[in-house]
Every structure is written in structure tokens, then in C-alpha cells.
Amino acid sequence: MSELSRGKLLIEGKTKKIWSVAENPALIIIENKKDITAFDNPEFTRQFEQKARYATTTTCRVFELLQEAGIPVAYLKQVSDTEFLAPACEMIPLEVVARRYAVGSFLKRHPEFTRTENEAPFRFDDLKVEFFLKTTKGKLTNREGKIVVDGLDAKKGEEDPFMENALIDTFQALEQAWWNVHRCRLIDMKIEFGRTGKGEILVADVIDNDSWRLRDENWQELSKEAFRQGEALDEVERKYGLVADLVEKLAKR
């Protein structure tokens, strides 16, 4: 990071900090933290020493893989073990989810897809895509209340086919890589989008082991879901390290 230096701290969230770049206001530095959270409840927040490094490794290698696949991402380069450089984006406050298997909160809303403990989860031949919008009278607003996108219906994800297509392309690229290289199953994942100052819509923020459910060939959980399910923190840390190592091999395949 010799040619660049941090400016001011723009945002600090639960798991990362966003810094301006002193030399270029069109860029930001995203720094991951040691924290792991669950259930949007501060009481469940824990830390492990290598969390920031594992999260950064995973995100950077994933974004590089997506760039190779021609998917527009808000990523320029990794600048340290815990930081990467990205174009500054106005984050669009929606969470976009793709599901290959029916698990988690989806089953609570659609119990008809529930399978027994001895069965594999229900598999969607076509990805199940869901848009979770944070709207005020059909308007997406940012943290300051500024309107980012107008005229949206919270029940209609198809209002933005570009985002849906980008999500599907992202999921399929990662799904194929995980299975072909490591025989791991990408169960579901969430991504976020941002808009640059030039108006480009990019896959933004981070994609790390908090962003998906990932299971090995024997259906053992490797992702943050293990933490949600109460596994010991040292075992969760081991799994995050394993996923970071596996992602490195995906990028070198």
C-alpha cells in the first residue's frame, strides 16, 4: 500500500471498517475485523485472531475469480492481509439471495420443502432468487436517508433483471468452481450491490465465509452456519481457515 494511504474512517460496521483513500476520493480501503456475529444480536458477537485475514483472503480470491468470469465487481487489489482496495460505491440497501437448496430461514417460510434428517435438503433445479429490500414507500434509501432508487415494489425482485442475472452468474461461477475443484456444495449465498460515481452497478462489499452456506461432500457445514449452530469457536476458526485455503486453490486452478 506504499502508493496509497488511508484517509478518514467513513463507516465502521460489525465486521469491517471502510476508509477513504487520501490520494483518490474515488477509491476506498475495506478492512476486515476479527469479529464474527450472529442473529443481529451483539450478545452473540465473538472474535478469533485470524478472522480478518481469512475473510480478506476469501473475498479477494472470490472477487478475482468473478472478474475472470466477466462479472463486474467492486474490487481492485488486495493491499494487506486484512485490507483490499475497491472503487467507492453508494451501497444499494438490498440483500440479494440465491438458493440451490431449501434450508434455513427459507424453510421457516416454506415448510413444505422440509426433508427428514436422513435426507438431503430439497434442491432447486433453477436457482431460487430472493430480493430483500429495505424500502420506504417504494424507495431505497441509504444510511443518511437519501433516495438511491425510486419506484420499487418490495415484492418484485424482477424489477431489476441486471442484479438478478449478476447474482445467478456469480452463484453459478462459484458453485461450479467449488464442486469441480473441492467437491463442496454451495447451498445458498447473499450478495450486495453498489453504484459507482460513474453510475456502474457492481457486486460490492464482501463475499466471504459469512456470505454463504458451504458444505463438503459429506454435507458437513464449513461456513458461518457452524457458528450459528453453536460449534466451538476454535472449530469455527479452523473451518474459516480451511475455506480460505481452499479458495486460494480455486483461484489457482
C-alpha atoms as a PDB file:
ATOM      1  CA  MET A   1       0.000   0.000   0.000  1.00  0.00           C
ATOM      2  CA  SER A   2       3.059   2.249  -0.490  1.00  0.00           C
ATOM      3  CA  GLU A   3       1.441   4.465  -3.133  1.00  0.00           C
ATOM      4  CA  LEU A   4      -1.793   4.863  -1.180  1.00  0.00           C
ATOM      5  CA  SER A   5      -2.634   5.927   2.337  1.00  0.00           C
ATOM      6  CA  ARG A   6      -5.734   5.785   4.465  1.00  0.00           C
ATOM      7  CA  GLY A   7      -7.820   8.889   4.761  1.00  0.00           C
ATOM      8  CA  LYS A   8     -10.631   9.165   7.267  1.00  0.00           C
ATOM      9  CA  LEU A   9     -12.753   6.357   8.639  1.00  0.00           C
ATOM     10  CA  LEU A  10     -16.016   6.512   6.692  1.00  0.00           C
ATOM     11  CA  ILE A  11     -18.009   3.677   8.236  1.00  0.00           C
ATOM     12  CA  GLU A  12     -17.394   1.067  10.908  1.00  0.00           C
ATOM     13  CA  GLY A  13     -19.721  -1.911  10.888  1.00  0.00           C
ATOM     14  CA  LYS A  14     -19.877  -5.124  12.857  1.00  0.00           C
ATOM     15  CA  THR A  15     -17.221  -6.934  10.846  1.00  0.00           C
ATOM     16  CA  LYS A  16     -15.356  -4.311   8.800  1.00  0.00           C
ATOM     17  CA  LYS A  17     -14.196  -0.716   8.509  1.00  0.00           C
ATOM     18  CA  ILE A  18     -14.390   1.437   5.382  1.00  0.00           C
ATOM     19  CA  TRP A  19     -11.627   4.003   4.893  1.00  0.00           C
ATOM     20  CA  SER A  20     -11.267   6.755   2.339  1.00  0.00           C
ATOM     21  CA  VAL A  21      -8.070   6.892   0.272  1.00  0.00           C
ATOM     22  CA  ALA A  22      -6.248  10.158   0.864  1.00  0.00           C
ATOM     23  CA  GLU A  23      -4.870  10.346  -2.680  1.00  0.00           C
ATOM     24  CA  ASN A  24      -8.074   9.446  -4.529  1.00  0.00           C
ATOM     25  CA  PRO A  25     -11.664  10.089  -3.347  1.00  0.00           C
ATOM     26  CA  ALA A  26     -12.987   7.599  -5.907  1.00  0.00           C
ATOM     27  CA  LEU A  27     -11.355   4.723  -4.003  1.00  0.00           C
ATOM     28  CA  ILE A  28     -11.856   3.123  -0.607  1.00  0.00           C
ATOM     29  CA  ILE A  29      -9.994   0.626   1.544  1.00  0.00           C
ATOM     30  CA  ILE A  30     -12.089  -2.118   3.135  1.00  0.00           C
ATOM     31  CA  GLU A  31     -10.555  -3.500   6.320  1.00  0.00           C
ATOM     32  CA  ASN A  32     -11.941  -6.666   7.860  1.00  0.00           C
ATOM     33  CA  LYS A  33     -12.182  -7.069  11.633  1.00  0.00           C
ATOM     34  CA  LYS A  34     -11.770 -10.042  13.967  1.00  0.00           C
ATOM     35  CA  ASP A  35     -15.464 -10.136  14.870  1.00  0.00           C
ATOM     36  CA  ILE A  36     -17.936 -12.851  13.981  1.00  0.00           C
ATOM     37  CA  THR A  37     -21.614 -12.153  14.621  1.00  0.00           C
ATOM     38  CA  ALA A  38     -24.918 -13.995  14.522  1.00  0.00           C
ATOM     39  CA  PHE A  39     -28.641 -13.291  14.653  1.00  0.00           C
ATOM     40  CA  ASP A  40     -28.100  -9.496  14.558  1.00  0.00           C
ATOM     41  CA  ASN A  41     -27.541  -9.775  18.303  1.00  0.00           C
ATOM     42  CA  PRO A  42     -24.435  -8.190  19.885  1.00  0.00           C
ATOM     43  CA  GLU A  43     -24.532 -10.810  22.636  1.00  0.00           C
ATOM     44  CA  PHE A  44     -23.538 -13.433  20.064  1.00  0.00           C
ATOM     45  CA  THR A  45     -20.501 -11.483  18.827  1.00  0.00           C
ATOM     46  CA  ARG A  46     -17.165 -13.252  19.282  1.00  0.00           C
ATOM     47  CA  GLN A  47     -13.650 -12.765  17.945  1.00  0.00           C
ATOM     48  CA  PHE A  48     -10.903 -15.026  16.714  1.00  0.00           C
ATOM     49  CA  GLU A  49      -7.414 -13.903  15.843  1.00  0.00           C
ATOM     50  CA  GLN A  50      -7.303 -14.849  12.166  1.00  0.00           C
ATOM     51  CA  LYS A  51     -10.879 -13.894  11.233  1.00  0.00           C
ATOM     52  CA  ALA A  52      -9.861 -10.687   9.431  1.00  0.00           C
ATOM     53  CA  ARG A  53      -7.135 -12.422   7.440  1.00  0.00           C
ATOM     54  CA  TYR A  54      -9.348 -15.345   6.460  1.00  0.00           C
ATOM     55  CA  ALA A  55     -12.199 -13.032   5.446  1.00  0.00           C
ATOM     56  CA  THR A  56      -9.899 -10.870   3.329  1.00  0.00           C
ATOM     57  CA  THR A  57      -8.282 -13.838   1.614  1.00  0.00           C
ATOM     58  CA  THR A  58     -11.666 -15.344   0.819  1.00  0.00           C
ATOM     59  CA  THR A  59     -13.186 -12.120  -0.509  1.00  0.00           C
ATOM     60  CA  CYS A  60     -10.186 -11.179  -2.641  1.00  0.00           C
ATOM     61  CA  ARG A  61      -9.811 -14.591  -4.253  1.00  0.00           C
ATOM     62  CA  VAL A  62     -13.571 -14.796  -4.863  1.00  0.00           C
ATOM     63  CA  PHE A  63     -13.658 -11.351  -6.475  1.00  0.00           C
ATOM     64  CA  GLU A  64     -10.665 -12.272  -8.650  1.00  0.00           C
ATOM     65  CA  LEU A  65     -12.433 -15.435  -9.760  1.00  0.00           C
ATOM     66  CA  LEU A  66     -15.561 -13.440 -10.588  1.00  0.00           C
ATOM     67  CA  GLN A  67     -13.526 -10.892 -12.543  1.00  0.00           C
ATOM     68  CA  GLU A  68     -12.125 -13.739 -14.638  1.00  0.00           C
ATOM     69  CA  ALA A  69     -15.715 -14.807 -15.314  1.00  0.00           C
ATOM     70  CA  GLY A  70     -16.573 -11.310 -16.574  1.00  0.00           C
ATOM     71  CA  ILE A  71     -18.752 -10.343 -13.615  1.00  0.00           C
ATOM     72  CA  PRO A  72     -18.499  -6.659 -12.602  1.00  0.00           C
ATOM     73  CA  VAL A  73     -17.191  -6.423  -9.032  1.00  0.00           C
ATOM     74  CA  ALA A  74     -16.095  -3.578  -6.760  1.00  0.00           C
ATOM     75  CA  TYR A  75     -12.538  -4.804  -6.312  1.00  0.00           C
ATOM     76  CA  LEU A  76      -9.111  -3.603  -7.438  1.00  0.00           C
ATOM     77  CA  LYS A  77      -6.476  -5.446  -5.416  1.00  0.00           C
ATOM     78  CA  GLN A  78      -5.547  -6.830  -2.020  1.00  0.00           C
ATOM     79  CA  VAL A  79      -3.296  -4.377  -0.174  1.00  0.00           C
ATOM     80  CA  SER A  80      -2.582  -6.236   3.085  1.00  0.00           C
ATOM     81  CA  ASP A  81      -3.530  -9.395   4.947  1.00  0.00           C
ATOM     82  CA  THR A  82      -6.697  -7.697   6.191  1.00  0.00           C
ATOM     83  CA  GLU A  83      -7.452  -4.992   3.589  1.00  0.00           C
ATOM     84  CA  PHE A  84      -8.356  -4.564  -0.056  1.00  0.00           C
ATOM     85  CA  LEU A  85      -8.774  -1.629  -2.397  1.00  0.00           C
ATOM     86  CA  ALA A  86     -12.101  -1.016  -4.124  1.00  0.00           C
ATOM     87  CA  PRO A  87     -13.904   1.687  -6.073  1.00  0.00           C
ATOM     88  CA  ALA A  88     -16.080   3.828  -3.827  1.00  0.00           C
ATOM     89  CA  CYS A  89     -19.728   2.838  -4.211  1.00  0.00           C
ATOM     90  CA  GLU A  90     -23.054   4.092  -2.986  1.00  0.00           C
ATOM     91  CA  MET A  91     -24.335   0.863  -1.491  1.00  0.00           C
ATOM     92  CA  ILE A  92     -27.845  -0.105  -2.551  1.00  0.00           C
ATOM     93  CA  PRO A  93     -29.622  -1.267   0.622  1.00  0.00           C
ATOM     94  CA  LEU A  94     -30.911  -4.588  -0.544  1.00  0.00           C
ATOM     95  CA  GLU A  95     -29.787  -8.116   0.076  1.00  0.00           C
ATOM     96  CA  VAL A  96     -29.980 -10.462  -2.889  1.00  0.00           C
ATOM     97  CA  VAL A  97     -30.044 -14.187  -2.150  1.00  0.00           C
ATOM     98  CA  ALA A  98     -29.647 -17.221  -4.394  1.00  0.00           C
ATOM     99  CA  ARG A  99     -30.580 -20.660  -3.103  1.00  0.00           C
ATOM    100  CA  ARG A 100     -29.704 -24.036  -4.590  1.00  0.00           C
ATOM    101  CA  TYR A 101     -31.085 -25.902  -1.591  1.00  0.00           C
ATOM    102  CA  ALA A 102     -34.011 -25.151   0.711  1.00  0.00           C
ATOM    103  CA  VAL A 103     -32.521 -24.594   4.173  1.00  0.00           C
ATOM    104  CA  GLY A 104     -32.510 -22.063   6.999  1.00  0.00           C
ATOM    105  CA  SER A 105     -34.974 -19.184   7.042  1.00  0.00           C
ATOM    106  CA  PHE A 106     -36.428 -20.265   3.708  1.00  0.00           C
ATOM    107  CA  LEU A 107     -37.802 -23.418   5.334  1.00  0.00           C
ATOM    108  CA  LYS A 108     -39.466 -21.370   8.059  1.00  0.00           C
ATOM    109  CA  ARG A 109     -41.361 -19.510   5.348  1.00  0.00           C
ATOM    110  CA  HIS A 110     -41.878 -22.583   3.153  1.00  0.00           C
ATOM    111  CA  PRO A 111     -42.094 -25.653   5.413  1.00  0.00           C
ATOM    112  CA  GLU A 112     -43.480 -27.678   2.514  1.00  0.00           C
ATOM    113  CA  PHE A 113     -39.861 -28.110   1.330  1.00  0.00           C
ATOM    114  CA  THR A 114     -38.726 -29.669   4.624  1.00  0.00           C
ATOM    115  CA  ARG A 115     -36.980 -33.031   4.402  1.00  0.00           C
ATOM    116  CA  THR A 116     -36.191 -35.567   7.125  1.00  0.00           C
ATOM    117  CA  GLU A 117     -32.845 -35.552   8.944  1.00  0.00           C
ATOM    118  CA  ASN A 118     -31.656 -38.501   6.859  1.00  0.00           C
ATOM    119  CA  GLU A 119     -32.493 -36.825   3.552  1.00  0.00           C
ATOM    120  CA  ALA A 120     -30.558 -34.219   1.625  1.00  0.00           C
ATOM    121  CA  PRO A 121     -32.222 -30.784   1.514  1.00  0.00           C
ATOM    122  CA  PHE A 122     -34.639 -30.081  -1.312  1.00  0.00           C
ATOM    123  CA  ARG A 123     -32.673 -28.971  -4.379  1.00  0.00           C
ATOM    124  CA  PHE A 124     -33.897 -26.277  -6.769  1.00  0.00           C
ATOM    125  CA  ASP A 125     -33.032 -27.151 -10.358  1.00  0.00           C
ATOM    126  CA  ASP A 126     -33.326 -23.453 -11.178  1.00  0.00           C
ATOM    127  CA  LEU A 127     -31.848 -21.150  -8.581  1.00  0.00           C
ATOM    128  CA  LYS A 128     -34.345 -19.653  -6.176  1.00  0.00           C
ATOM    129  CA  VAL A 129     -33.675 -15.907  -6.154  1.00  0.00           C
ATOM    130  CA  GLU A 130     -34.981 -13.577  -3.458  1.00  0.00           C
ATOM    131  CA  PHE A 131     -34.656  -9.814  -3.115  1.00  0.00           C
ATOM    132  CA  PHE A 132     -34.927  -8.425   0.390  1.00  0.00           C
ATOM    133  CA  LEU A 133     -35.486  -4.694   0.044  1.00  0.00           C
ATOM    134  CA  LYS A 134     -35.322  -2.075   2.775  1.00  0.00           C
ATOM    135  CA  THR A 135     -37.821   0.381   1.347  1.00  0.00           C
ATOM    136  CA  THR A 136     -39.747   3.440   2.412  1.00  0.00           C
ATOM    137  CA  LYS A 137     -42.827   3.819   0.210  1.00  0.00           C
ATOM    138  CA  GLY A 138     -41.100   2.059  -2.652  1.00  0.00           C
ATOM    139  CA  LYS A 139     -37.849   3.968  -2.262  1.00  0.00           C
ATOM    140  CA  LEU A 140     -34.464   2.511  -1.403  1.00  0.00           C
ATOM    141  CA  THR A 141     -32.586   4.898   0.858  1.00  0.00           C
ATOM    142  CA  ASN A 142     -29.053   4.951   2.175  1.00  0.00           C
ATOM    143  CA  ARG A 143     -27.908   5.420   5.757  1.00  0.00           C
ATOM    144  CA  GLU A 144     -28.440   9.174   5.510  1.00  0.00           C
ATOM    145  CA  GLY A 145     -31.961   8.804   4.122  1.00  0.00           C
ATOM    146  CA  LYS A 146     -31.014   9.843   0.585  1.00  0.00           C
ATOM    147  CA  ILE A 147     -33.083   8.175  -2.149  1.00  0.00           C
ATOM    148  CA  VAL A 148     -30.894   5.770  -4.114  1.00  0.00           C
ATOM    149  CA  VAL A 149     -33.511   4.006  -6.236  1.00  0.00           C
ATOM    150  CA  ASP A 150     -37.151   5.027  -6.624  1.00  0.00           C
ATOM    151  CA  GLY A 151     -40.302   3.232  -7.739  1.00  0.00           C
ATOM    152  CA  LEU A 152     -39.540  -0.228  -6.382  1.00  0.00           C
ATOM    153  CA  ASP A 153     -42.007  -2.839  -5.221  1.00  0.00           C
ATOM    154  CA  ALA A 154     -40.585  -4.830  -2.313  1.00  0.00           C
ATOM    155  CA  LYS A 155     -42.417  -7.926  -3.584  1.00  0.00           C
ATOM    156  CA  LYS A 156     -40.951  -7.788  -7.085  1.00  0.00           C
ATOM    157  CA  GLY A 157     -37.298  -8.692  -7.382  1.00  0.00           C
ATOM    158  CA  GLU A 158     -37.709  -8.873 -11.137  1.00  0.00           C
ATOM    159  CA  GLU A 159     -37.802  -5.071 -11.148  1.00  0.00           C
ATOM    160  CA  ASP A 160     -34.042  -5.268 -11.698  1.00  0.00           C
ATOM    161  CA  PRO A 161     -33.083  -8.096 -14.070  1.00  0.00           C
ATOM    162  CA  PHE A 162     -29.452  -6.916 -14.161  1.00  0.00           C
ATOM    163  CA  MET A 163     -28.985  -7.639 -10.463  1.00  0.00           C
ATOM    164  CA  GLU A 164     -30.789 -10.956 -10.723  1.00  0.00           C
ATOM    165  CA  ASN A 165     -28.667 -12.016 -13.683  1.00  0.00           C
ATOM    166  CA  ALA A 166     -25.473 -10.874 -11.964  1.00  0.00           C
ATOM    167  CA  LEU A 167     -26.448 -12.879  -8.876  1.00  0.00           C
ATOM    168  CA  ILE A 168     -27.120 -16.000 -10.940  1.00  0.00           C
ATOM    169  CA  ASP A 169     -23.833 -15.614 -12.820  1.00  0.00           C
ATOM    170  CA  THR A 170     -21.996 -15.126  -9.525  1.00  0.00           C
ATOM    171  CA  PHE A 171     -23.578 -18.140  -7.883  1.00  0.00           C
ATOM    172  CA  GLN A 172     -23.044 -20.439 -10.849  1.00  0.00           C
ATOM    173  CA  ALA A 173     -19.396 -19.443 -11.256  1.00  0.00           C
ATOM    174  CA  LEU A 174     -18.691 -20.160  -7.590  1.00  0.00           C
ATOM    175  CA  GLU A 175     -20.881 -23.254  -7.440  1.00  0.00           C
ATOM    176  CA  GLN A 176     -19.064 -24.861 -10.362  1.00  0.00           C
ATOM    177  CA  ALA A 177     -15.640 -23.947  -9.014  1.00  0.00           C
ATOM    178  CA  TRP A 178     -16.386 -25.272  -5.531  1.00  0.00           C
ATOM    179  CA  TRP A 179     -17.757 -28.557  -6.809  1.00  0.00           C
ATOM    180  CA  ASN A 180     -15.278 -29.166  -9.623  1.00  0.00           C
ATOM    181  CA  VAL A 181     -12.175 -28.420  -7.550  1.00  0.00           C
ATOM    182  CA  HIS A 182     -13.098 -29.410  -3.990  1.00  0.00           C
ATOM    183  CA  ARG A 183     -16.385 -31.337  -4.189  1.00  0.00           C
ATOM    184  CA  CYS A 184     -18.004 -28.734  -1.935  1.00  0.00           C
ATOM    185  CA  ARG A 185     -21.652 -27.747  -2.272  1.00  0.00           C
ATOM    186  CA  LEU A 186     -22.650 -24.097  -2.397  1.00  0.00           C
ATOM    187  CA  ILE A 187     -26.006 -24.233  -0.619  1.00  0.00           C
ATOM    188  CA  ASP A 188     -27.001 -20.570  -0.827  1.00  0.00           C
ATOM    189  CA  MET A 189     -25.387 -17.152  -0.778  1.00  0.00           C
ATOM    190  CA  LYS A 190     -26.153 -13.474  -0.426  1.00  0.00           C
ATOM    191  CA  ILE A 191     -24.535 -10.555  -2.199  1.00  0.00           C
ATOM    192  CA  GLU A 192     -24.895  -6.797  -2.222  1.00  0.00           C
ATOM    193  CA  PHE A 193     -24.590  -4.214  -4.972  1.00  0.00           C
ATOM    194  CA  GLY A 194     -23.176  -0.726  -5.131  1.00  0.00           C
ATOM    195  CA  ARG A 195     -23.249   2.095  -7.648  1.00  0.00           C
ATOM    196  CA  THR A 196     -20.057   3.939  -8.571  1.00  0.00           C
ATOM    197  CA  GLY A 197     -19.815   7.651  -9.228  1.00  0.00           C
ATOM    198  CA  LYS A 198     -19.977   6.814 -12.944  1.00  0.00           C
ATOM    199  CA  GLY A 199     -23.290   5.011 -12.464  1.00  0.00           C
ATOM    200  CA  GLU A 200     -21.966   1.456 -12.818  1.00  0.00           C
ATOM    201  CA  ILE A 201     -23.727  -1.217 -10.758  1.00  0.00           C
ATOM    202  CA  LEU A 202     -21.211  -3.642  -9.262  1.00  0.00           C
ATOM    203  CA  VAL A 203     -21.231  -6.674  -6.994  1.00  0.00           C
ATOM    204  CA  ALA A 204     -19.809  -4.938  -3.928  1.00  0.00           C
ATOM    205  CA  ASP A 205     -18.990  -5.131  -0.223  1.00  0.00           C
ATOM    206  CA  VAL A 206     -17.512  -8.588   0.551  1.00  0.00           C
ATOM    207  CA  ILE A 207     -18.115 -12.232  -0.324  1.00  0.00           C
ATOM    208  CA  ASP A 208     -16.568 -14.359   2.395  1.00  0.00           C
ATOM    209  CA  ASN A 209     -17.400 -17.299   4.625  1.00  0.00           C
ATOM    210  CA  ASP A 210     -20.139 -15.207   6.266  1.00  0.00           C
ATOM    211  CA  SER A 211     -21.868 -14.746   2.899  1.00  0.00           C
ATOM    212  CA  TRP A 212     -22.888 -18.301   2.074  1.00  0.00           C
ATOM    213  CA  ARG A 213     -23.664 -21.742   3.334  1.00  0.00           C
ATOM    214  CA  LEU A 214     -20.993 -24.155   2.131  1.00  0.00           C
ATOM    215  CA  ARG A 215     -20.928 -27.877   2.817  1.00  0.00           C
ATOM    216  CA  ASP A 216     -18.437 -30.557   1.943  1.00  0.00           C
ATOM    217  CA  GLU A 217     -19.169 -33.722   0.002  1.00  0.00           C
ATOM    218  CA  ASN A 218     -20.492 -35.344   3.190  1.00  0.00           C
ATOM    219  CA  TRP A 219     -22.811 -32.389   3.908  1.00  0.00           C
ATOM    220  CA  GLN A 220     -20.683 -31.090   6.790  1.00  0.00           C
ATOM    221  CA  GLU A 221     -21.067 -27.336   7.299  1.00  0.00           C
ATOM    222  CA  LEU A 222     -17.951 -25.228   6.598  1.00  0.00           C
ATOM    223  CA  SER A 223     -19.399 -21.713   6.750  1.00  0.00           C
ATOM    224  CA  LYS A 224     -20.614 -19.237   9.362  1.00  0.00           C
ATOM    225  CA  GLU A 225     -23.628 -21.503   9.809  1.00  0.00           C
ATOM    226  CA  ALA A 226     -21.395 -23.657  12.034  1.00  0.00           C
ATOM    227  CA  PHE A 227     -21.068 -20.663  14.400  1.00  0.00           C
ATOM    228  CA  ARG A 228     -24.828 -20.073  14.334  1.00  0.00           C
ATOM    229  CA  GLN A 229     -25.346 -23.718  15.250  1.00  0.00           C
ATOM    230  CA  GLY A 230     -23.153 -23.342  18.331  1.00  0.00           C
ATOM    231  CA  GLU A 231     -19.951 -25.116  17.324  1.00  0.00           C
ATOM    232  CA  ALA A 232     -16.901 -24.329  19.458  1.00  0.00           C
ATOM    233  CA  LEU A 233     -15.097 -21.160  18.395  1.00  0.00           C
ATOM    234  CA  ASP A 234     -11.794 -22.947  17.754  1.00  0.00           C
ATOM    235  CA  GLU A 235     -13.587 -25.346  15.401  1.00  0.00           C
ATOM    236  CA  VAL A 236     -15.268 -22.423  13.644  1.00  0.00           C
ATOM    237  CA  GLU A 237     -11.858 -20.769  13.251  1.00  0.00           C
ATOM    238  CA  ARG A 238     -10.441 -23.979  11.801  1.00  0.00           C
ATOM    239  CA  LYS A 239     -13.235 -24.103   9.231  1.00  0.00           C
ATOM    240  CA  TYR A 240     -12.710 -20.468   8.235  1.00  0.00           C
ATOM    241  CA  GLY A 241      -9.028 -21.206   7.735  1.00  0.00           C
ATOM    242  CA  LEU A 242      -9.846 -24.281   5.678  1.00  0.00           C
ATOM    243  CA  VAL A 243     -12.211 -22.330   3.441  1.00  0.00           C
ATOM    244  CA  ALA A 244      -9.616 -19.577   2.946  1.00  0.00           C
ATOM    245  CA  ASP A 245      -7.034 -22.195   1.933  1.00  0.00           C
ATOM    246  CA  LEU A 246      -9.495 -23.879  -0.423  1.00  0.00           C
ATOM    247  CA  VAL A 247     -10.414 -20.552  -2.038  1.00  0.00           C
ATOM    248  CA  GLU A 248      -6.723 -19.880  -2.715  1.00  0.00           C
ATOM    249  CA  LYS A 249      -6.659 -23.138  -4.671  1.00  0.00           C
ATOM    250  CA  LEU A 250      -9.821 -22.166  -6.554  1.00  0.00           C
ATOM    251  CA  ALA A 251      -8.090 -19.016  -7.754  1.00  0.00           C
ATOM    252  CA  LYS A 252      -5.048 -21.011  -8.921  1.00  0.00           C
ATOM    253  CA  ARG A 253      -6.991 -23.756 -10.663  1.00  0.00           C
END
